[in-house]
Amino acid sequence: MNIEISQPANLPSRFGMFKVKAFKEGAKEHLVIAKEPFGEVVNVRIHSECLTGDAIGSLKCDCRDQLEASLKYIEEHNGMVIYLRQEGRNIGLLNKINAYALQDKGFDTIEANHQLGFKADERTYEIVDFILKHYGITKINLLTNNPKKLMGLKGAQIVNRIPIVIKANKYNEDYLKVKKEQMGHLLDK
């Protein structure tokens, strides 16, 4: 794995003061947003990019809410958010918008991905193992509802899963239902 790594930099944000570092993997540039000092067990959120949710505030998903809850948690308890450039469960922005168009016609998120020739979730997490090794992290508390993330990490022991509880809205109720019932997401209510 040929990865370029930036220098660390300060990032004051509305969630707190963080250190950031970028990891360039081919054409994808991932970001670590960290608050130190880390303990023996590090709080980690693996967050996949969602331009429509994270930047625009789309109500069709819970991505921005999960990101904001994670940044607040990391500010309070230290740790890191690993922001992966895997837009639309790694199908890319163009295909994600095409999937949205299919959803407008009644397909759920998984059906829409299948119509476009993709699996329900195309994301991978090898870069996370690389990042954790880079920081010397071997034990983590993982902020997630996604069981694939619990199984996808090889380089660190997951000591605890910290659920991210987000209240549904009328636009993302079906989306969250599909995540829970078809993708096995651990949506604690």
Protein backbone atom coordinates (compact mmCIF):
# COMPACT_ATOMS: atom_id res chain seq x y z
CA MET A 1 0.00 0.00 0.00
CA ASN A 2 1.60 3.26 -1.17
CA ILE A 3 0.23 6.02 1.07
CA GLU A 4 1.31 9.66 1.24
CA ILE A 5 0.89 11.27 4.65
CA SER A 6 0.60 15.00 5.32
CA GLN A 7 2.13 16.88 8.19
CA PRO A 8 -0.19 17.32 11.19
CA ALA A 9 -2.00 20.65 11.48
CA ASN A 10 -4.31 22.37 13.94
CA LEU A 11 -7.98 22.61 13.03
CA PRO A 12 -10.14 24.82 15.22
CA SER A 13 -13.78 23.94 14.55
CA ARG A 14 -17.22 24.63 15.93
CA PHE A 15 -16.91 21.25 17.67
CA GLY A 16 -13.56 22.00 19.31
CA MET A 17 -9.82 22.14 18.64
CA PHE A 18 -8.52 19.16 16.70
CA LYS A 19 -5.34 17.99 15.00
CA VAL A 20 -5.76 16.84 11.41
CA LYS A 21 -3.65 14.70 9.14
CA ALA A 22 -4.40 13.60 5.55
CA PHE A 23 -3.64 10.19 4.08
CA LYS A 24 -3.51 9.96 0.27
CA GLU A 25 -4.35 6.51 -1.08
CA GLY A 26 -4.21 6.68 -4.89
CA ALA A 27 -6.80 9.28 -5.92
CA LYS A 28 -8.54 9.23 -2.54
CA GLU A 29 -7.51 11.58 0.23
CA HIS A 30 -8.74 10.56 3.68
CA LEU A 31 -8.65 12.74 6.81
CA VAL A 32 -7.99 11.99 10.46
CA ILE A 33 -9.53 14.48 12.88
CA ALA A 34 -7.98 13.82 16.28
CA LYS A 35 -8.13 15.03 19.86
CA GLU A 36 -5.27 13.93 22.08
CA PRO A 37 -4.05 12.61 24.38
CA PHE A 38 -5.18 9.12 23.45
CA GLY A 39 -5.69 6.57 26.18
CA GLU A 40 -4.74 2.90 25.97
CA VAL A 41 -8.12 2.32 24.28
CA VAL A 42 -8.80 5.01 21.66
CA ASN A 43 -12.28 6.23 20.73
CA VAL A 44 -12.58 5.96 16.93
CA ARG A 45 -15.32 6.85 14.44
CA ILE A 46 -14.89 5.61 10.86
CA HIS A 47 -17.03 7.96 8.79
CA SER A 48 -17.54 7.58 5.05
CA GLU A 49 -17.95 10.77 3.06
CA CYS A 50 -21.49 11.90 2.30
CA LEU A 51 -21.41 15.22 0.48
CA THR A 52 -25.20 15.57 0.38
CA GLY A 53 -25.54 14.85 4.11
CA ASP A 54 -22.28 16.13 5.61
CA ALA A 55 -22.06 19.39 3.63
CA ILE A 56 -25.61 20.17 2.50
CA GLY A 57 -27.58 18.69 5.39
CA SER A 58 -29.68 16.20 3.43
CA LEU A 59 -32.50 14.72 5.48
CA LYS A 60 -32.52 11.51 3.35
CA CYS A 61 -29.78 9.99 5.53
CA ASP A 62 -28.32 10.23 9.03
CA CYS A 63 -24.72 10.86 7.94
CA ARG A 64 -24.33 14.46 9.08
CA ASP A 65 -26.02 13.72 12.40
CA GLN A 66 -23.64 10.79 12.97
CA LEU A 67 -20.60 12.88 12.01
CA GLU A 68 -21.59 15.75 14.30
CA ALA A 69 -22.39 13.40 17.20
CA SER A 70 -18.99 11.75 16.72
CA LEU A 71 -17.07 15.03 16.63
CA LYS A 72 -18.82 16.14 19.82
CA TYR A 73 -17.99 12.79 21.45
CA ILE A 74 -14.33 13.00 20.40
CA GLU A 75 -14.09 16.58 21.65
CA GLU A 76 -15.37 15.46 25.04
CA HIS A 77 -13.65 12.05 25.35
CA ASN A 78 -10.63 12.33 22.99
CA GLY A 79 -9.91 9.99 20.10
CA MET A 80 -10.32 10.37 16.34
CA VAL A 81 -12.71 10.52 13.45
CA ILE A 82 -11.32 8.80 10.36
CA TYR A 83 -13.08 10.49 7.45
CA LEU A 84 -12.96 8.15 4.45
CA ARG A 85 -13.52 9.35 0.90
CA GLN A 86 -16.01 6.60 0.03
CA GLU A 87 -18.97 8.64 -1.21
CA GLY A 88 -22.27 6.82 -1.55
CA ARG A 89 -21.07 3.60 0.10
CA ASN A 90 -18.13 3.88 -2.32
CA ILE A 91 -20.06 4.10 -5.59
CA GLY A 92 -19.10 7.75 -6.12
CA LEU A 93 -21.14 10.94 -6.23
CA LEU A 94 -22.49 10.54 -9.80
CA ASN A 95 -23.76 7.03 -9.10
CA LYS A 96 -25.10 8.10 -5.72
CA ILE A 97 -27.23 10.79 -7.37
CA ASN A 98 -28.40 8.22 -9.94
CA ALA A 99 -29.34 5.99 -6.99
CA TYR A 100 -31.25 8.93 -5.48
CA ALA A 101 -33.19 9.22 -8.76
CA LEU A 102 -34.10 5.54 -8.54
CA GLN A 103 -35.14 6.03 -4.92
CA ASP A 104 -37.44 8.83 -6.12
CA LYS A 105 -39.10 6.12 -8.25
CA GLY A 106 -39.68 3.84 -5.25
CA PHE A 107 -36.52 1.74 -5.00
CA ASP A 108 -34.89 1.46 -1.57
CA THR A 109 -31.17 2.22 -1.18
CA ILE A 110 -30.08 -1.39 -1.71
CA GLU A 111 -32.37 -1.95 -4.71
CA ALA A 112 -31.13 1.29 -6.28
CA ASN A 113 -27.49 0.21 -5.91
CA HIS A 114 -28.32 -3.18 -7.43
CA GLN A 115 -30.11 -1.50 -10.37
CA LEU A 116 -26.87 0.40 -11.04
CA GLY A 117 -24.78 -2.80 -10.89
CA PHE A 118 -23.33 -2.35 -7.40
CA LYS A 119 -23.47 -4.32 -4.18
CA ALA A 120 -25.48 -2.84 -1.31
CA ASP A 121 -22.22 -1.55 0.19
CA GLU A 122 -18.95 -1.26 -1.76
CA ARG A 123 -16.87 0.21 1.08
CA THR A 124 -13.61 -1.30 2.32
CA TYR A 125 -11.58 -0.55 5.43
CA GLU A 126 -7.95 -1.58 4.75
CA ILE A 127 -6.84 2.06 4.94
CA VAL A 128 -8.24 2.23 8.48
CA ASP A 129 -5.89 -0.55 9.57
CA PHE A 130 -3.01 1.40 8.01
CA ILE A 131 -4.02 4.61 9.81
CA LEU A 132 -4.41 2.90 13.17
CA LYS A 133 -0.99 1.26 12.76
CA HIS A 134 0.50 4.65 11.81
CA TYR A 135 -0.70 6.05 15.14
CA GLY A 136 0.33 2.90 17.05
CA ILE A 137 -3.28 2.19 18.03
CA THR A 138 -4.05 -1.44 18.88
CA LYS A 139 -7.25 -1.14 20.95
CA ILE A 140 -10.29 0.95 20.12
CA ASN A 141 -13.79 1.83 21.19
CA LEU A 142 -15.59 2.01 17.85
CA LEU A 143 -18.37 4.57 17.43
CA THR A 144 -20.62 2.77 14.96
CA ASN A 145 -23.94 1.11 14.24
CA ASN A 146 -22.50 -0.81 11.26
CA PRO A 147 -21.59 -4.47 11.88
CA LYS A 148 -19.43 -4.52 8.72
CA LYS A 149 -17.07 -2.08 10.42
CA LEU A 150 -16.91 -4.35 13.47
CA MET A 151 -15.83 -7.25 11.24
CA GLY A 152 -13.77 -5.25 8.72
CA LEU A 153 -10.91 -4.17 10.95
CA LYS A 154 -7.93 -6.49 11.28
CA GLY A 155 -5.28 -4.27 12.85
CA ALA A 156 -6.92 -3.32 16.14
CA GLN A 157 -8.95 -5.01 18.83
CA ILE A 158 -12.42 -3.52 19.24
CA VAL A 159 -12.91 -3.32 23.01
CA ASN A 160 -16.35 -1.67 22.94
CA ARG A 161 -18.92 -0.54 20.40
CA ILE A 162 -20.31 2.88 21.17
CA PRO A 163 -23.69 3.27 19.46
CA ILE A 164 -24.60 6.50 17.72
CA VAL A 165 -28.26 7.13 18.43
CA ILE A 166 -29.91 9.44 15.90
CA LYS A 167 -33.60 10.30 15.82
CA ALA A 168 -35.28 9.44 12.52
CA ASN A 169 -37.16 12.04 10.48
CA LYS A 170 -39.92 11.59 7.92
CA TYR A 171 -37.39 11.62 5.05
CA ASN A 172 -34.98 8.99 6.39
CA GLU A 173 -37.32 6.55 8.21
CA ASP A 174 -37.32 4.08 5.31
CA TYR A 175 -33.56 4.49 4.80
CA LEU A 176 -32.90 3.66 8.46
CA LYS A 177 -35.33 0.74 8.31
CA VAL A 178 -33.40 -0.73 5.35
CA LYS A 179 -30.09 -0.23 7.19
CA LYS A 180 -31.46 -2.07 10.22
CA GLU A 181 -33.50 -4.84 8.59
CA GLN A 182 -31.47 -5.58 5.47
CA MET A 183 -27.94 -4.50 6.36
CA GLY A 184 -27.97 -5.53 10.01
CA HIS A 185 -27.14 -2.10 11.41
CA LEU A 186 -27.39 -1.99 15.17
CA LEU A 187 -29.78 0.92 15.48
CA ASP A 188 -30.39 1.34 19.17
CA LYS A 189 -33.53 3.28 19.96
